[in-house]
N, C-alpha and C. Protein backbone atom coordinates (compact mmCIF):
# COMPACT_ATOMS: atom_id res chain seq x y z
N UNK A 1 0.91 -1.29 0.11
CA UNK A 1 -0.14 -0.15 -0.07
C UNK A 1 0.74 1.17 0.10
N UNK A 2 0.60 2.17 0.53
CA UNK A 2 0.82 3.45 0.61
C UNK A 2 2.48 3.54 1.57
N UNK A 3 2.50 2.69 2.43
CA UNK A 3 3.68 2.49 3.25
C UNK A 3 4.85 2.04 2.06
N UNK A 4 4.55 1.36 1.00
CA UNK A 4 5.39 1.10 0.17
C UNK A 4 6.14 2.08 -0.54
N UNK A 5 5.76 3.37 -0.68
CA UNK A 5 6.29 4.47 -1.13
C UNK A 5 7.52 4.76 -0.34
N UNK A 6 7.43 4.60 1.10
CA UNK A 6 8.71 4.98 1.79
C UNK A 6 9.70 3.79 1.38
N UNK A 7 9.38 2.67 1.29
CA UNK A 7 10.49 1.78 0.97
C UNK A 7 11.10 1.94 -0.34
N UNK A 8 10.22 2.20 -1.47
CA UNK A 8 10.72 2.79 -2.68
C UNK A 8 11.29 3.83 -2.74
N UNK A 9 11.18 4.90 -1.99
CA UNK A 9 11.97 6.07 -1.70
C UNK A 9 13.40 5.64 -1.07
N UNK A 10 13.43 4.87 -0.12
CA UNK A 10 14.58 4.64 0.54
C UNK A 10 15.66 3.97 -0.16
N UNK A 11 15.18 2.89 -1.19
CA UNK A 11 16.10 2.01 -1.94
C UNK A 11 17.00 2.79 -2.72
N UNK A 12 16.62 3.64 -3.33
CA UNK A 12 17.70 4.47 -4.36
C UNK A 12 18.60 5.24 -3.22
N UNK A 13 17.84 5.67 -2.34
CA UNK A 13 18.91 6.49 -1.42
C UNK A 13 19.97 5.65 -1.02
N UNK A 14 19.62 4.56 -0.42
CA UNK A 14 20.75 3.44 0.11
C UNK A 14 21.53 3.25 -0.91
N UNK A 15 21.34 2.96 -2.09
CA UNK A 15 22.15 2.63 -3.50
C UNK A 15 23.09 3.60 -3.69
N UNK A 16 22.56 4.80 -3.49
CA UNK A 16 23.61 6.05 -3.74
C UNK A 16 24.43 6.28 -2.83
N UNK A 17 24.08 6.14 -1.40
CA UNK A 17 25.00 6.44 -0.50
C UNK A 17 25.90 5.03 -0.16
N UNK A 18 25.80 3.87 -0.61
CA UNK A 18 26.55 2.68 -0.56
C UNK A 18 27.59 2.81 -1.83
N UNK A 19 27.34 3.47 -2.68
CA UNK A 19 28.05 3.79 -3.96
C UNK A 19 29.20 4.49 -3.46
N UNK A 20 30.42 3.97 -4.01
CA UNK A 20 31.96 4.70 -3.62
C UNK A 20 31.87 5.95 -4.85
N UNK A 21 31.43 5.78 -5.94
CA UNK A 21 31.51 6.60 -6.89
C UNK A 21 30.78 8.09 -6.73
N UNK A 22 29.60 8.07 -5.80
CA UNK A 22 28.71 8.92 -5.74
C UNK A 22 28.65 9.57 -4.17
N UNK A 23 28.45 10.88 -4.17
CA UNK A 23 28.03 11.40 -2.94
C UNK A 23 26.57 11.55 -2.60
N UNK A 24 26.26 11.62 -1.46
CA UNK A 24 24.89 11.85 -1.28
C UNK A 24 24.60 13.30 -1.18
N UNK A 25 23.58 13.93 -2.09
CA UNK A 25 23.35 15.35 -2.08
C UNK A 25 22.27 15.82 -0.98
N UNK A 26 22.51 17.00 -0.84
CA UNK A 26 21.22 17.65 -0.13
C UNK A 26 19.99 17.46 -0.86
N UNK A 27 19.77 17.31 -1.78
CA UNK A 27 18.51 17.15 -2.73
C UNK A 27 17.98 15.75 -2.45
N UNK A 28 18.67 14.70 -2.28
CA UNK A 28 18.56 13.48 -2.18
C UNK A 28 18.06 13.12 -0.82
N UNK A 29 18.74 13.85 0.32
CA UNK A 29 18.54 13.67 1.49
C UNK A 29 16.97 14.28 1.98
N UNK A 30 16.71 15.42 1.25
CA UNK A 30 15.41 15.98 1.45
C UNK A 30 14.26 15.42 0.97
N UNK A 31 14.47 14.89 -0.20
CA UNK A 31 13.39 14.29 -1.11
C UNK A 31 13.08 12.95 -0.36
N UNK A 32 14.02 12.20 0.16
CA UNK A 32 13.98 10.81 0.71
C UNK A 32 13.42 11.10 1.81
N UNK A 33 13.47 12.07 2.76
CA UNK A 33 12.98 12.37 3.87
C UNK A 33 11.40 12.52 3.84
N UNK A 34 11.30 13.50 2.72
CA UNK A 34 9.87 14.00 2.40
C UNK A 34 8.80 12.77 2.02
N UNK A 35 9.45 12.15 1.21
CA UNK A 35 8.38 10.95 0.86
C UNK A 35 8.26 10.02 1.79
N UNK A 36 9.01 9.49 2.69
CA UNK A 36 9.18 8.72 3.85
C UNK A 36 8.11 9.06 4.73
N UNK A 37 8.17 10.50 5.31
CA UNK A 37 7.38 11.18 6.23
C UNK A 37 5.89 11.30 5.73
N UNK A 38 5.97 11.51 4.34
CA UNK A 38 4.44 11.58 3.63
C UNK A 38 3.79 10.54 3.57
N UNK A 39 4.54 9.36 3.35
CA UNK A 39 4.21 7.86 3.17
C UNK A 39 3.73 7.40 4.65
N UNK A 40 4.49 7.46 5.71
CA UNK A 40 4.33 6.84 6.74
C UNK A 40 3.06 7.64 7.38
N UNK A 41 2.86 8.85 7.53
CA UNK A 41 1.55 9.51 7.77
C UNK A 41 0.45 8.99 7.15
N UNK A 42 0.37 8.88 5.65
CA UNK A 42 -0.76 8.52 5.04
C UNK A 42 -1.24 7.09 5.28
N UNK A 43 -0.29 6.27 5.29
CA UNK A 43 -0.32 4.95 5.69
C UNK A 43 -0.95 4.78 6.93
N UNK A 44 -0.53 5.34 7.78
CA UNK A 44 -1.17 5.51 9.22
C UNK A 44 -2.68 5.56 9.43
N UNK A 45 -2.68 6.83 8.64
CA UNK A 45 -4.20 7.31 8.65
C UNK A 45 -5.03 6.10 7.79
N UNK A 46 -4.57 5.57 6.85
CA UNK A 46 -5.36 4.64 6.06
C UNK A 46 -5.46 3.70 7.02
N UNK A 47 -4.58 2.95 7.82
CA UNK A 47 -4.53 2.10 8.56
C UNK A 47 -5.56 2.26 9.81
N UNK A 48 -5.46 3.59 10.27
CA UNK A 48 -6.48 3.80 11.31
C UNK A 48 -7.94 3.60 10.76
N UNK A 49 -7.99 4.46 9.92
CA UNK A 49 -9.52 4.46 8.87
C UNK A 49 -10.07 3.02 8.65
N UNK A 50 -9.08 2.02 8.08
CA UNK A 50 -9.42 0.63 8.05
C UNK A 50 -9.81 -0.09 9.39
N UNK A 51 -9.36 0.45 10.53
CA UNK A 51 -9.58 -0.27 11.72
C UNK A 51 -11.06 0.26 12.20
N UNK A 52 -11.49 1.48 11.89
CA UNK A 52 -12.40 2.21 12.23
C UNK A 52 -13.70 1.70 11.43
N UNK A 53 -13.51 1.66 10.22
CA UNK A 53 -14.80 1.64 9.21
C UNK A 53 -14.87 0.16 8.82
N UNK A 54 -14.03 -0.68 9.03
CA UNK A 54 -13.79 -2.18 8.56
C UNK A 54 -14.11 -2.63 7.18
N UNK A 55 -14.73 -1.67 6.24
CA UNK A 55 -14.83 -2.04 4.93
C UNK A 55 -15.05 -0.84 4.19
N UNK A 56 -14.54 -0.77 2.80
CA UNK A 56 -14.36 0.11 2.09
C UNK A 56 -15.59 -0.09 0.82
N UNK A 57 -16.58 0.53 1.00
CA UNK A 57 -17.72 0.40 0.18
C UNK A 57 -17.47 0.93 -1.25
N UNK A 58 -16.46 1.89 -1.67
CA UNK A 58 -16.11 2.41 -2.59
C UNK A 58 -15.44 1.30 -3.67
N UNK A 59 -14.91 0.45 -3.16
CA UNK A 59 -14.17 -0.55 -3.80
C UNK A 59 -14.85 -1.87 -4.14
N UNK A 60 -16.08 -2.21 -3.46
CA UNK A 60 -16.71 -3.58 -3.59
C UNK A 60 -17.33 -3.96 -5.08
N UNK A 61 -17.51 -2.76 -5.63
CA UNK A 61 -17.93 -3.20 -7.11
C UNK A 61 -16.77 -3.56 -7.93
N UNK A 62 -15.66 -2.81 -7.77
CA UNK A 62 -14.71 -2.72 -8.51
C UNK A 62 -13.98 -4.29 -8.42
N UNK A 63 -13.79 -4.52 -7.07
CA UNK A 63 -12.96 -5.44 -6.66
C UNK A 63 -13.78 -6.92 -6.62
N UNK A 64 -14.95 -6.88 -6.85
CA UNK A 64 -15.57 -8.13 -6.92
C UNK A 64 -15.55 -9.23 -7.98
N UNK A 65 -14.96 -8.20 -9.21
CA UNK A 65 -14.69 -9.29 -10.64
C UNK A 65 -12.94 -9.38 -10.67
N UNK A 66 -12.69 -10.17 -11.24
CA UNK A 66 -11.38 -10.63 -11.55
C UNK A 66 -10.79 -9.54 -12.57
N UNK A 67 -11.45 -9.07 -13.47
CA UNK A 67 -10.83 -7.94 -14.32
C UNK A 67 -10.73 -6.59 -13.56
N UNK A 68 -11.85 -6.60 -12.66
CA UNK A 68 -12.06 -5.16 -11.82
C UNK A 68 -10.61 -5.17 -10.92
N UNK A 69 -10.36 -6.23 -10.25
CA UNK A 69 -9.10 -6.40 -9.62
C UNK A 69 -7.97 -6.12 -10.20
N UNK A 70 -7.83 -6.90 -11.24
CA UNK A 70 -6.47 -6.82 -12.07
C UNK A 70 -6.50 -5.19 -12.59
N UNK A 71 -7.47 -4.56 -12.93
CA UNK A 71 -7.46 -3.22 -13.49
C UNK A 71 -7.19 -2.22 -12.37
N UNK A 72 -7.73 -2.38 -11.19
CA UNK A 72 -7.27 -1.72 -9.81
C UNK A 72 -6.04 -1.82 -9.61
N UNK A 73 -5.39 -2.92 -9.58
CA UNK A 73 -3.91 -3.27 -9.26
C UNK A 73 -3.06 -2.59 -10.37
N UNK A 74 -3.23 -2.56 -11.43
CA UNK A 74 -2.61 -2.29 -12.70
C UNK A 74 -2.51 -0.63 -12.43
N UNK A 75 -3.75 -0.07 -12.56
CA UNK A 75 -3.60 1.48 -12.05
C UNK A 75 -2.97 1.85 -11.03
N UNK A 76 -3.12 1.12 -9.95
CA UNK A 76 -2.51 1.44 -8.57
C UNK A 76 -0.94 1.33 -8.98
N UNK A 77 -0.50 0.27 -9.56
CA UNK A 77 1.10 0.39 -9.81
C UNK A 77 1.50 1.53 -10.92
N UNK A 78 0.74 1.81 -11.88
CA UNK A 78 1.20 2.80 -12.53
C UNK A 78 1.32 4.08 -12.24
N UNK A 79 0.28 4.32 -11.16
CA UNK A 79 0.28 5.55 -10.60
C UNK A 79 1.31 5.70 -9.52
N UNK A 80 1.72 4.45 -8.72
CA UNK A 80 2.96 4.66 -7.99
C UNK A 80 4.21 4.75 -8.66
N UNK A 81 4.34 4.18 -9.80
CA UNK A 81 5.70 4.54 -10.70
C UNK A 81 5.63 6.01 -11.03
N UNK A 82 4.66 6.47 -11.57
CA UNK A 82 4.88 7.84 -12.19
C UNK A 82 4.77 8.87 -11.02
N UNK A 83 4.27 8.49 -9.52
CA UNK A 83 4.52 9.51 -8.82
C UNK A 83 5.90 9.56 -8.18
N UNK A 84 6.36 8.47 -8.21
CA UNK A 84 7.72 7.91 -7.62
C UNK A 84 8.97 8.40 -8.59
N UNK A 85 8.70 8.63 -9.79
CA UNK A 85 9.45 8.92 -10.72
C UNK A 85 10.32 10.16 -10.57
N UNK A 86 9.70 11.43 -10.32
CA UNK A 86 10.81 12.29 -9.78
C UNK A 86 11.55 12.28 -8.74
N UNK A 87 11.21 11.80 -7.67
CA UNK A 87 12.11 11.35 -6.55
C UNK A 87 13.19 10.45 -6.92
N UNK A 88 12.90 9.28 -7.82
CA UNK A 88 13.91 8.31 -8.33
C UNK A 88 14.83 8.87 -9.02
N UNK A 89 14.60 9.71 -10.10
CA UNK A 89 15.33 10.40 -10.96
C UNK A 89 16.09 11.38 -10.27
N UNK A 90 15.63 12.17 -9.42
CA UNK A 90 16.24 13.45 -8.61
C UNK A 90 17.08 12.52 -7.68
N UNK A 91 16.80 11.53 -6.97
CA UNK A 91 18.04 11.02 -5.98
C UNK A 91 19.23 10.27 -6.60
N UNK A 92 19.00 9.61 -7.76
CA UNK A 92 19.88 8.90 -8.59
C UNK A 92 20.55 9.99 -9.11
N UNK A 93 20.53 11.07 -9.42
CA UNK A 93 21.18 12.14 -10.02
C UNK A 93 22.61 12.33 -9.49
N UNK A 94 23.38 12.63 -10.19
CA UNK A 94 24.82 13.09 -9.43
C UNK A 94 24.94 14.62 -9.46
N UNK A 95 23.97 15.23 -10.05
CA UNK A 95 23.91 16.83 -10.02
C UNK A 95 23.17 17.18 -9.07
N UNK A 96 23.82 18.27 -8.15
CA UNK A 96 23.24 18.51 -7.04
C UNK A 96 21.72 19.59 -7.21
N UNK A 97 21.60 20.12 -8.52
CA UNK A 97 20.49 20.77 -8.79
C UNK A 97 20.90 22.32 -8.55
N UNK A 98 19.47 23.05 -8.77
CA UNK A 98 19.71 24.54 -8.73
C UNK A 98 19.12 24.71 -7.24
N UNK A 99 19.84 25.33 -6.10
CA UNK A 99 19.33 25.50 -4.71
C UNK A 99 18.14 26.21 -4.75
N UNK A 100 17.80 26.99 -6.05
CA UNK A 100 16.46 27.60 -5.43
C UNK A 100 15.66 26.80 -5.75
N UNK A 101 15.52 25.89 -6.74
CA UNK A 101 14.30 24.81 -6.81
C UNK A 101 14.45 23.88 -5.51
N UNK A 102 15.45 23.52 -4.97
CA UNK A 102 15.21 22.72 -3.68
C UNK A 102 14.68 23.55 -2.72
N UNK A 103 14.77 24.68 -2.52
CA UNK A 103 14.09 25.52 -1.52
C UNK A 103 12.58 25.68 -1.94
N UNK A 104 12.21 25.95 -3.10
CA UNK A 104 10.87 26.05 -3.65
C UNK A 104 10.02 24.52 -3.27
N UNK A 105 10.59 23.63 -3.94
CA UNK A 105 10.27 22.29 -3.60
C UNK A 105 10.08 21.97 -2.00
N UNK A 106 11.08 22.25 -1.31
CA UNK A 106 10.86 21.80 0.32
C UNK A 106 9.77 22.74 0.84
N UNK A 107 9.43 24.02 0.39
CA UNK A 107 8.71 24.93 0.80
C UNK A 107 7.01 24.50 0.17
N UNK A 108 7.12 24.11 -0.74
CA UNK A 108 5.87 23.39 -1.45
C UNK A 108 5.44 22.22 -1.02
N UNK A 109 6.48 21.12 -0.22
CA UNK A 109 6.05 20.04 0.37
C UNK A 109 5.67 20.53 1.85
N UNK A 110 6.14 21.23 2.57
CA UNK A 110 6.13 21.71 3.98
C UNK A 110 4.64 22.22 3.79
N UNK A 111 4.16 22.96 2.77
CA UNK A 111 2.90 23.72 2.93
C UNK A 111 1.93 22.64 2.55
N UNK A 112 2.02 21.91 1.41
CA UNK A 112 1.00 20.54 1.21
C UNK A 112 1.23 19.80 2.62
N UNK A 113 2.11 19.61 3.03
CA UNK A 113 2.08 18.45 4.22
C UNK A 113 1.21 19.16 5.34
N UNK A 114 1.33 20.32 5.69
CA UNK A 114 0.68 20.93 6.79
C UNK A 114 -0.85 21.18 6.27
N UNK A 115 -1.07 21.33 5.09
CA UNK A 115 -2.48 21.56 4.58
C UNK A 115 -3.52 20.04 4.42
N UNK A 116 -2.59 19.17 4.23
CA UNK A 116 -3.10 17.52 4.22
C UNK A 116 -3.37 17.12 5.65
N UNK A 117 -2.38 17.51 6.70
CA UNK A 117 -2.52 17.30 8.04
C UNK A 117 -3.67 17.87 8.82
N UNK A 118 -3.83 19.13 8.27
CA UNK A 118 -4.99 19.92 9.17
C UNK A 118 -6.20 19.61 8.37
N UNK A 119 -6.53 19.17 7.05
CA UNK A 119 -7.62 19.01 6.62
C UNK A 119 -8.35 17.61 7.13
């Protein structure tokens, strides 16, 4: 589920830090931390909601058929890959990037994280 984003974010970071030919950049540390914090927060909320509600009526029709289940998991996997791509590409890049974009990206993350948490 959502917690797998944290694992998927942390693996490229570990590979980069273990590589003798590259150094860990500030961007990769910030990006990995942001993805992991958001992922754990969202996974915790979804787990809490699942314990409270016990069922998700929104998915009953979709998951009741084999093709619906395959389609649901295919779209979920595609969504995970597409949304993880910026982090994976940024973390594995040897370029430190533009510091202004790092500041803007961090500010956008913190704003979005705060808004999502208070909503």
